[in-house]
Amino acid sequence: MFTRADQTVEDCLEVFETVARAGVKHMGFKDIGVDFDTLVELNRRIKDAGAASYLEVVSATKEACLESARAARRIGVDWVMGGTEAAEILEILDGSGIDYLPFPGRPAGHPTALGGRPGDVEEDCRRFEAMGCAGVDLLAYRATEADPLELVRAARRATKGTLVVAGSVDSPDRIRALAEAGADAFTIGSAAFDGSFSPRKGALGSQLEDILAAAVMRSAA
């Protein structure tokens, strides 16, 4: 994710080439932090590089979330992530070919925290799947009421689709734990941009190399 602290980084277009050279094939952003035209250009570069593009909705109000979904459709991303207004967002995206991964649980605030117990997450995931969502976007490591990995396992029980864990994935240990709990994918932004994933390596390119190596290692295990 071209994001830090739940906002798209202002120099996203400048750092795009570094991300593409590292071999990243899934790239995303928020519709907060830069203007609409910048997001259109970033999305164009992502798709021209042969990568899949994602917009994650983190707006605080219902109408703002729906407007983010409308923006995602205009931008032409491949996936929309986040938001809890699943029925309304699916309607906005209908016919666009965009896949949707809503937030299960009770997300709130900015940066977003996640309330809810494993049973709440499991119930939401079953409901979203019945509605035709492609999976879910789970803020497991932002949990305030439950163990993060218990939430992942609950979501996996209820989700046949894509289970993405977003937020505060900042170490190889967390990547390994998520894979073992059943997650299909994760997002990472701040930990790459601030250098905390690999503290001994400051450059973004080096951070991405280590992140990809950790992900590949788990896929091969």
C-alpha atoms as a PDB file:
ATOM      1  CA  MET A   1       0.000   0.000   0.000  1.00  0.00           C
ATOM      2  CA  PHE A   2       1.248   3.477  -0.910  1.00  0.00           C
ATOM      3  CA  THR A   3       0.122   4.580   2.536  1.00  0.00           C
ATOM      4  CA  ARG A   4       1.423   5.723   5.894  1.00  0.00           C
ATOM      5  CA  ALA A   5      -0.842   6.216   8.939  1.00  0.00           C
ATOM      6  CA  ASP A   6      -3.893   5.364   6.790  1.00  0.00           C
ATOM      7  CA  GLN A   7      -3.210   8.046   4.181  1.00  0.00           C
ATOM      8  CA  THR A   8      -1.709   7.845   0.709  1.00  0.00           C
ATOM      9  CA  VAL A   9       1.822   9.224   0.784  1.00  0.00           C
ATOM     10  CA  GLU A  10       2.224  12.543  -1.015  1.00  0.00           C
ATOM     11  CA  ASP A  11       5.163  11.286  -3.089  1.00  0.00           C
ATOM     12  CA  CYS A  12       3.364   8.123  -4.263  1.00  0.00           C
ATOM     13  CA  LEU A  13       4.147   8.803  -7.922  1.00  0.00           C
ATOM     14  CA  GLU A  14       7.823   9.333  -7.151  1.00  0.00           C
ATOM     15  CA  VAL A  15       8.175   6.088  -5.187  1.00  0.00           C
ATOM     16  CA  PHE A  16       6.130   4.041  -7.656  1.00  0.00           C
ATOM     17  CA  GLU A  17       9.189   3.049  -9.709  1.00  0.00           C
ATOM     18  CA  THR A  18      10.945   1.704  -6.614  1.00  0.00           C
ATOM     19  CA  VAL A  19       7.904  -0.418  -5.771  1.00  0.00           C
ATOM     20  CA  ALA A  20       7.564  -1.694  -9.343  1.00  0.00           C
ATOM     21  CA  ARG A  21      11.284  -2.569  -9.586  1.00  0.00           C
ATOM     22  CA  ALA A  22      10.986  -4.629  -6.428  1.00  0.00           C
ATOM     23  CA  GLY A  23       8.516  -6.882  -8.239  1.00  0.00           C
ATOM     24  CA  VAL A  24       5.376  -6.042  -6.266  1.00  0.00           C
ATOM     25  CA  LYS A  25       2.293  -7.214  -8.206  1.00  0.00           C
ATOM     26  CA  HIS A  26      -0.451  -5.977  -5.867  1.00  0.00           C
ATOM     27  CA  MET A  27      -0.465  -2.242  -5.107  1.00  0.00           C
ATOM     28  CA  GLY A  28      -3.036  -0.105  -3.353  1.00  0.00           C
ATOM     29  CA  PHE A  29      -3.839   3.269  -1.893  1.00  0.00           C
ATOM     30  CA  LYS A  30      -6.427   5.238   0.067  1.00  0.00           C
ATOM     31  CA  ASP A  31      -8.445   8.131  -1.349  1.00  0.00           C
ATOM     32  CA  ILE A  32      -7.076  10.300   1.469  1.00  0.00           C
ATOM     33  CA  GLY A  33      -3.765  12.167   1.361  1.00  0.00           C
ATOM     34  CA  VAL A  34      -3.507  13.136  -2.324  1.00  0.00           C
ATOM     35  CA  ASP A  35      -5.895  14.554  -4.905  1.00  0.00           C
ATOM     36  CA  PHE A  36      -8.108  12.563  -7.268  1.00  0.00           C
ATOM     37  CA  ASP A  37      -5.975  13.195 -10.380  1.00  0.00           C
ATOM     38  CA  THR A  38      -2.906  11.820  -8.607  1.00  0.00           C
ATOM     39  CA  LEU A  39      -4.812   8.626  -7.764  1.00  0.00           C
ATOM     40  CA  VAL A  40      -5.937   8.282 -11.386  1.00  0.00           C
ATOM     41  CA  GLU A  41      -2.323   8.538 -12.535  1.00  0.00           C
ATOM     42  CA  LEU A  42      -1.076   6.165  -9.841  1.00  0.00           C
ATOM     43  CA  ASN A  43      -3.715   3.605 -10.816  1.00  0.00           C
ATOM     44  CA  ARG A  44      -2.734   3.937 -14.485  1.00  0.00           C
ATOM     45  CA  ARG A  45       0.921   3.275 -13.662  1.00  0.00           C
ATOM     46  CA  ILE A  46       0.043   0.291 -11.488  1.00  0.00           C
ATOM     47  CA  LYS A  47      -1.994  -1.348 -14.227  1.00  0.00           C
ATOM     48  CA  ASP A  48       0.517  -0.493 -16.945  1.00  0.00           C
ATOM     49  CA  ALA A  49       3.091  -2.346 -14.823  1.00  0.00           C
ATOM     50  CA  GLY A  50       0.895  -5.459 -14.913  1.00  0.00           C
ATOM     51  CA  ALA A  51      -0.066  -5.233 -11.237  1.00  0.00           C
ATOM     52  CA  ALA A  52      -3.502  -5.357  -9.608  1.00  0.00           C
ATOM     53  CA  SER A  53      -4.739  -2.109  -8.058  1.00  0.00           C
ATOM     54  CA  TYR A  54      -6.662  -1.650  -4.814  1.00  0.00           C
ATOM     55  CA  LEU A  55      -8.436   1.247  -3.130  1.00  0.00           C
ATOM     56  CA  GLU A  56      -9.076   0.850   0.596  1.00  0.00           C
ATOM     57  CA  VAL A  57     -11.989   2.782   2.073  1.00  0.00           C
ATOM     58  CA  VAL A  58     -11.260   4.255   5.517  1.00  0.00           C
ATOM     59  CA  SER A  59     -13.693   7.181   5.573  1.00  0.00           C
ATOM     60  CA  ALA A  60     -15.383   7.841   8.922  1.00  0.00           C
ATOM     61  CA  THR A  61     -18.998   8.394   7.791  1.00  0.00           C
ATOM     62  CA  LYS A  62     -21.382   6.322   5.713  1.00  0.00           C
ATOM     63  CA  GLU A  63     -21.730   8.896   2.949  1.00  0.00           C
ATOM     64  CA  ALA A  64     -17.977   9.426   2.788  1.00  0.00           C
ATOM     65  CA  CYS A  65     -17.484   5.654   2.443  1.00  0.00           C
ATOM     66  CA  LEU A  66     -19.986   5.512  -0.392  1.00  0.00           C
ATOM     67  CA  GLU A  67     -18.284   8.445  -2.086  1.00  0.00           C
ATOM     68  CA  SER A  68     -14.978   6.575  -1.798  1.00  0.00           C
ATOM     69  CA  ALA A  69     -16.583   3.623  -3.596  1.00  0.00           C
ATOM     70  CA  ARG A  70     -17.833   5.950  -6.327  1.00  0.00           C
ATOM     71  CA  ALA A  71     -14.330   7.376  -6.648  1.00  0.00           C
ATOM     72  CA  ALA A  72     -12.883   3.863  -6.899  1.00  0.00           C
ATOM     73  CA  ARG A  73     -15.215   3.095  -9.776  1.00  0.00           C
ATOM     74  CA  ARG A  74     -14.232   6.300 -11.584  1.00  0.00           C
ATOM     75  CA  ILE A  75     -10.544   5.607 -11.028  1.00  0.00           C
ATOM     76  CA  GLY A  76     -10.971   2.055 -12.338  1.00  0.00           C
ATOM     77  CA  VAL A  77      -9.221  -0.005  -9.675  1.00  0.00           C
ATOM     78  CA  ASP A  78      -9.398  -3.797  -9.663  1.00  0.00           C
ATOM     79  CA  TRP A  79     -10.414  -4.170  -6.015  1.00  0.00           C
ATOM     80  CA  VAL A  80     -12.157  -2.074  -3.369  1.00  0.00           C
ATOM     81  CA  MET A  81     -11.337  -2.877   0.256  1.00  0.00           C
ATOM     82  CA  GLY A  82     -12.897  -1.680   3.492  1.00  0.00           C
ATOM     83  CA  GLY A  83     -16.097   0.010   4.512  1.00  0.00           C
ATOM     84  CA  THR A  84     -18.995  -1.748   6.193  1.00  0.00           C
ATOM     85  CA  GLU A  85     -21.876  -0.616   3.958  1.00  0.00           C
ATOM     86  CA  ALA A  86     -21.541  -3.742   1.869  1.00  0.00           C
ATOM     87  CA  ALA A  87     -24.942  -3.710   0.162  1.00  0.00           C
ATOM     88  CA  GLU A  88     -24.649  -0.068  -0.908  1.00  0.00           C
ATOM     89  CA  ILE A  89     -21.046  -0.437  -2.075  1.00  0.00           C
ATOM     90  CA  LEU A  90     -21.846  -3.583  -4.062  1.00  0.00           C
ATOM     91  CA  GLU A  91     -24.621  -1.637  -5.762  1.00  0.00           C
ATOM     92  CA  ILE A  92     -22.230   1.196  -6.618  1.00  0.00           C
ATOM     93  CA  LEU A  93     -19.711  -1.260  -8.069  1.00  0.00           C
ATOM     94  CA  ASP A  94     -22.273  -3.394  -9.902  1.00  0.00           C
ATOM     95  CA  GLY A  95     -21.248  -4.034 -13.503  1.00  0.00           C
ATOM     96  CA  SER A  96     -17.772  -2.512 -13.078  1.00  0.00           C
ATOM     97  CA  GLY A  97     -15.847  -5.762 -12.711  1.00  0.00           C
ATOM     98  CA  ILE A  98     -14.385  -4.483  -9.432  1.00  0.00           C
ATOM     99  CA  ASP A  99     -14.173  -7.048  -6.620  1.00  0.00           C
ATOM    100  CA  TYR A 100     -15.136  -5.951  -3.112  1.00  0.00           C
ATOM    101  CA  LEU A 101     -13.691  -6.904   0.298  1.00  0.00           C
ATOM    102  CA  PRO A 102     -15.610  -5.225   3.175  1.00  0.00           C
ATOM    103  CA  PHE A 103     -14.493  -4.819   6.792  1.00  0.00           C
ATOM    104  CA  PRO A 104     -15.944  -7.401   9.203  1.00  0.00           C
ATOM    105  CA  GLY A 105     -16.209  -6.398  12.853  1.00  0.00           C
ATOM    106  CA  ARG A 106     -16.638  -2.850  14.136  1.00  0.00           C
ATOM    107  CA  PRO A 107     -14.030  -0.529  12.607  1.00  0.00           C
ATOM    108  CA  ALA A 108     -13.863   3.021  13.979  1.00  0.00           C
ATOM    109  CA  GLY A 109     -11.606   6.056  14.032  1.00  0.00           C
ATOM    110  CA  HIS A 110      -8.628   7.139  11.946  1.00  0.00           C
ATOM    111  CA  PRO A 111      -6.206   5.396  11.910  1.00  0.00           C
ATOM    112  CA  THR A 112      -8.824   2.688  12.117  1.00  0.00           C
ATOM    113  CA  ALA A 113      -9.182   0.399  15.152  1.00  0.00           C
ATOM    114  CA  LEU A 114     -11.293  -2.760  15.138  1.00  0.00           C
ATOM    115  CA  GLY A 115     -13.882  -3.644  17.741  1.00  0.00           C
ATOM    116  CA  GLY A 116     -15.748  -6.940  17.844  1.00  0.00           C
ATOM    117  CA  ARG A 117     -15.245 -10.509  19.032  1.00  0.00           C
ATOM    118  CA  PRO A 118     -14.503 -13.585  16.891  1.00  0.00           C
ATOM    119  CA  GLY A 119     -18.205 -14.455  16.765  1.00  0.00           C
ATOM    120  CA  ASP A 120     -19.029 -10.998  15.419  1.00  0.00           C
ATOM    121  CA  VAL A 121     -16.392 -11.306  12.717  1.00  0.00           C
ATOM    122  CA  GLU A 122     -17.564 -14.795  11.741  1.00  0.00           C
ATOM    123  CA  GLU A 123     -21.177 -13.638  11.492  1.00  0.00           C
ATOM    124  CA  ASP A 124     -20.220 -10.640   9.358  1.00  0.00           C
ATOM    125  CA  CYS A 125     -18.108 -12.783   7.050  1.00  0.00           C
ATOM    126  CA  ARG A 126     -20.952 -15.226   6.429  1.00  0.00           C
ATOM    127  CA  ARG A 127     -23.306 -12.340   5.723  1.00  0.00           C
ATOM    128  CA  PHE A 128     -20.870 -10.676   3.314  1.00  0.00           C
ATOM    129  CA  GLU A 129     -20.275 -13.945   1.465  1.00  0.00           C
ATOM    130  CA  ALA A 130     -24.018 -14.483   1.067  1.00  0.00           C
ATOM    131  CA  MET A 131     -24.261 -11.001  -0.444  1.00  0.00           C
ATOM    132  CA  GLY A 132     -21.675 -11.851  -3.106  1.00  0.00           C
ATOM    133  CA  CYS A 133     -18.561 -10.145  -1.740  1.00  0.00           C
ATOM    134  CA  ALA A 134     -15.248 -11.536  -2.986  1.00  0.00           C
ATOM    135  CA  GLY A 135     -13.919 -11.974   0.553  1.00  0.00           C
ATOM    136  CA  VAL A 136     -13.094  -9.653   3.446  1.00  0.00           C
ATOM    137  CA  ASP A 137     -10.550  -7.058   4.564  1.00  0.00           C
ATOM    138  CA  LEU A 138      -9.799  -7.834   8.224  1.00  0.00           C
ATOM    139  CA  LEU A 139      -8.051  -5.327  10.489  1.00  0.00           C
ATOM    140  CA  ALA A 140      -6.813  -8.109  12.733  1.00  0.00           C
ATOM    141  CA  TYR A 141      -3.820  -6.371  14.298  1.00  0.00           C
ATOM    142  CA  ARG A 142      -5.926  -3.279  15.003  1.00  0.00           C
ATOM    143  CA  ALA A 143      -8.223  -5.346  17.265  1.00  0.00           C
ATOM    144  CA  THR A 144      -9.287  -3.803  20.579  1.00  0.00           C
ATOM    145  CA  GLU A 145     -11.495  -6.596  21.981  1.00  0.00           C
ATOM    146  CA  ALA A 146      -9.994  -9.867  20.782  1.00  0.00           C
ATOM    147  CA  ASP A 147      -6.812 -11.719  19.925  1.00  0.00           C
ATOM    148  CA  PRO A 148      -5.854 -10.840  16.336  1.00  0.00           C
ATOM    149  CA  LEU A 149      -5.221 -14.421  15.243  1.00  0.00           C
ATOM    150  CA  GLU A 150      -8.505 -15.606  16.727  1.00  0.00           C
ATOM    151  CA  LEU A 151     -10.206 -13.073  14.473  1.00  0.00           C
ATOM    152  CA  VAL A 152      -8.302 -14.408  11.462  1.00  0.00           C
ATOM    153  CA  ARG A 153      -9.319 -17.971  12.257  1.00  0.00           C
ATOM    154  CA  ALA A 154     -12.938 -16.893  12.720  1.00  0.00           C
ATOM    155  CA  ALA A 155     -12.924 -15.129   9.365  1.00  0.00           C
ATOM    156  CA  ARG A 156     -11.344 -18.148   7.670  1.00  0.00           C
ATOM    157  CA  ARG A 157     -14.069 -20.442   8.989  1.00  0.00           C
ATOM    158  CA  ALA A 158     -16.713 -18.229   7.426  1.00  0.00           C
ATOM    159  CA  THR A 159     -14.987 -17.052   4.246  1.00  0.00           C
ATOM    160  CA  LYS A 160     -14.370 -19.105   1.123  1.00  0.00           C
ATOM    161  CA  GLY A 161     -13.219 -15.986  -0.700  1.00  0.00           C
ATOM    162  CA  THR A 162     -10.067 -13.904  -0.328  1.00  0.00           C
ATOM    163  CA  LEU A 163      -9.079 -13.141   3.271  1.00  0.00           C
ATOM    164  CA  VAL A 164      -6.805 -10.102   3.419  1.00  0.00           C
ATOM    165  CA  VAL A 165      -5.399  -8.827   6.718  1.00  0.00           C
ATOM    166  CA  ALA A 166      -4.708  -5.093   6.707  1.00  0.00           C
ATOM    167  CA  GLY A 167      -3.007  -2.801   9.171  1.00  0.00           C
ATOM    168  CA  SER A 168       0.035  -3.123  11.458  1.00  0.00           C
ATOM    169  CA  VAL A 169       1.597  -6.083   9.661  1.00  0.00           C
ATOM    170  CA  ASP A 170       5.163  -5.107  10.482  1.00  0.00           C
ATOM    171  CA  SER A 171       7.353  -8.206  10.884  1.00  0.00           C
ATOM    172  CA  PRO A 172       8.137 -11.634   9.400  1.00  0.00           C
ATOM    173  CA  ASP A 173       6.679 -13.188  12.545  1.00  0.00           C
ATOM    174  CA  ARG A 174       3.306 -11.575  11.882  1.00  0.00           C
ATOM    175  CA  ILE A 175       3.345 -12.684   8.255  1.00  0.00           C
ATOM    176  CA  ARG A 176       4.085 -16.253   9.370  1.00  0.00           C
ATOM    177  CA  ALA A 177       1.356 -16.167  12.013  1.00  0.00           C
ATOM    178  CA  LEU A 178      -1.213 -14.855   9.540  1.00  0.00           C
ATOM    179  CA  ALA A 179      -0.407 -17.566   7.015  1.00  0.00           C
ATOM    180  CA  GLU A 180      -0.734 -20.261   9.668  1.00  0.00           C
ATOM    181  CA  ALA A 181      -4.091 -18.819  10.792  1.00  0.00           C
ATOM    182  CA  GLY A 182      -5.471 -18.973   7.242  1.00  0.00           C
ATOM    183  CA  ALA A 183      -5.006 -15.522   5.722  1.00  0.00           C
ATOM    184  CA  ASP A 184      -4.527 -15.389   1.955  1.00  0.00           C
ATOM    185  CA  ALA A 185      -2.791 -12.022   1.831  1.00  0.00           C
ATOM    186  CA  PHE A 186      -1.841  -8.956   3.838  1.00  0.00           C
ATOM    187  CA  THR A 187      -1.306  -5.271   3.218  1.00  0.00           C
ATOM    188  CA  ILE A 188       1.730  -3.327   4.364  1.00  0.00           C
ATOM    189  CA  GLY A 189       2.415   0.383   4.104  1.00  0.00           C
ATOM    190  CA  SER A 190       3.773   2.265   7.100  1.00  0.00           C
ATOM    191  CA  ALA A 191       6.243  -0.475   8.064  1.00  0.00           C
ATOM    192  CA  ALA A 192       7.813  -0.289   4.610  1.00  0.00           C
ATOM    193  CA  PHE A 193       7.904   3.497   4.367  1.00  0.00           C
ATOM    194  CA  ASP A 194       9.233   4.115   7.888  1.00  0.00           C
ATOM    195  CA  GLY A 195      11.746   1.271   7.715  1.00  0.00           C
ATOM    196  CA  SER A 196      10.426  -0.641  10.720  1.00  0.00           C
ATOM    197  CA  PHE A 197       9.933  -3.979   8.937  1.00  0.00           C
ATOM    198  CA  SER A 198      13.700  -4.384   8.573  1.00  0.00           C
ATOM    199  CA  PRO A 199      15.155  -1.826  11.022  1.00  0.00           C
ATOM    200  CA  ARG A 200      18.736  -2.411   9.846  1.00  0.00           C
ATOM    201  CA  LYS A 201      17.811  -1.516   6.276  1.00  0.00           C
ATOM    202  CA  GLY A 202      16.497   2.002   5.738  1.00  0.00           C
ATOM    203  CA  ALA A 203      15.744   2.182   2.006  1.00  0.00           C
ATOM    204  CA  LEU A 204      12.245   1.409   0.753  1.00  0.00           C
ATOM    205  CA  GLY A 205      13.571  -0.978  -1.881  1.00  0.00           C
ATOM    206  CA  SER A 206      15.370  -3.048   0.765  1.00  0.00           C
ATOM    207  CA  GLN A 207      12.262  -3.113   2.949  1.00  0.00           C
ATOM    208  CA  LEU A 208      10.196  -4.417   0.031  1.00  0.00           C
ATOM    209  CA  GLU A 209      12.749  -7.102  -0.783  1.00  0.00           C
ATOM    210  CA  ASP A 210      12.542  -8.422   2.777  1.00  0.00           C
ATOM    211  CA  ILE A 211       8.743  -8.232   2.839  1.00  0.00           C
ATOM    212  CA  LEU A 212       8.461 -10.171  -0.409  1.00  0.00           C
ATOM    213  CA  ALA A 213      10.993 -12.736   0.800  1.00  0.00           C
ATOM    214  CA  ALA A 214       8.955 -13.267   3.985  1.00  0.00           C
ATOM    215  CA  ALA A 215       5.777 -13.681   1.958  1.00  0.00           C
ATOM    216  CA  VAL A 216       7.360 -16.141  -0.479  1.00  0.00           C
ATOM    217  CA  MET A 217       8.834 -18.147   2.378  1.00  0.00           C
ATOM    218  CA  ARG A 218       5.376 -18.574   3.897  1.00  0.00           C
ATOM    219  CA  SER A 219       3.856 -19.500   0.529  1.00  0.00           C
ATOM    220  CA  ALA A 220       6.453 -22.230   0.079  1.00  0.00           C
ATOM    221  CA  ALA A 221       6.086 -23.616   3.585  1.00  0.00           C
END
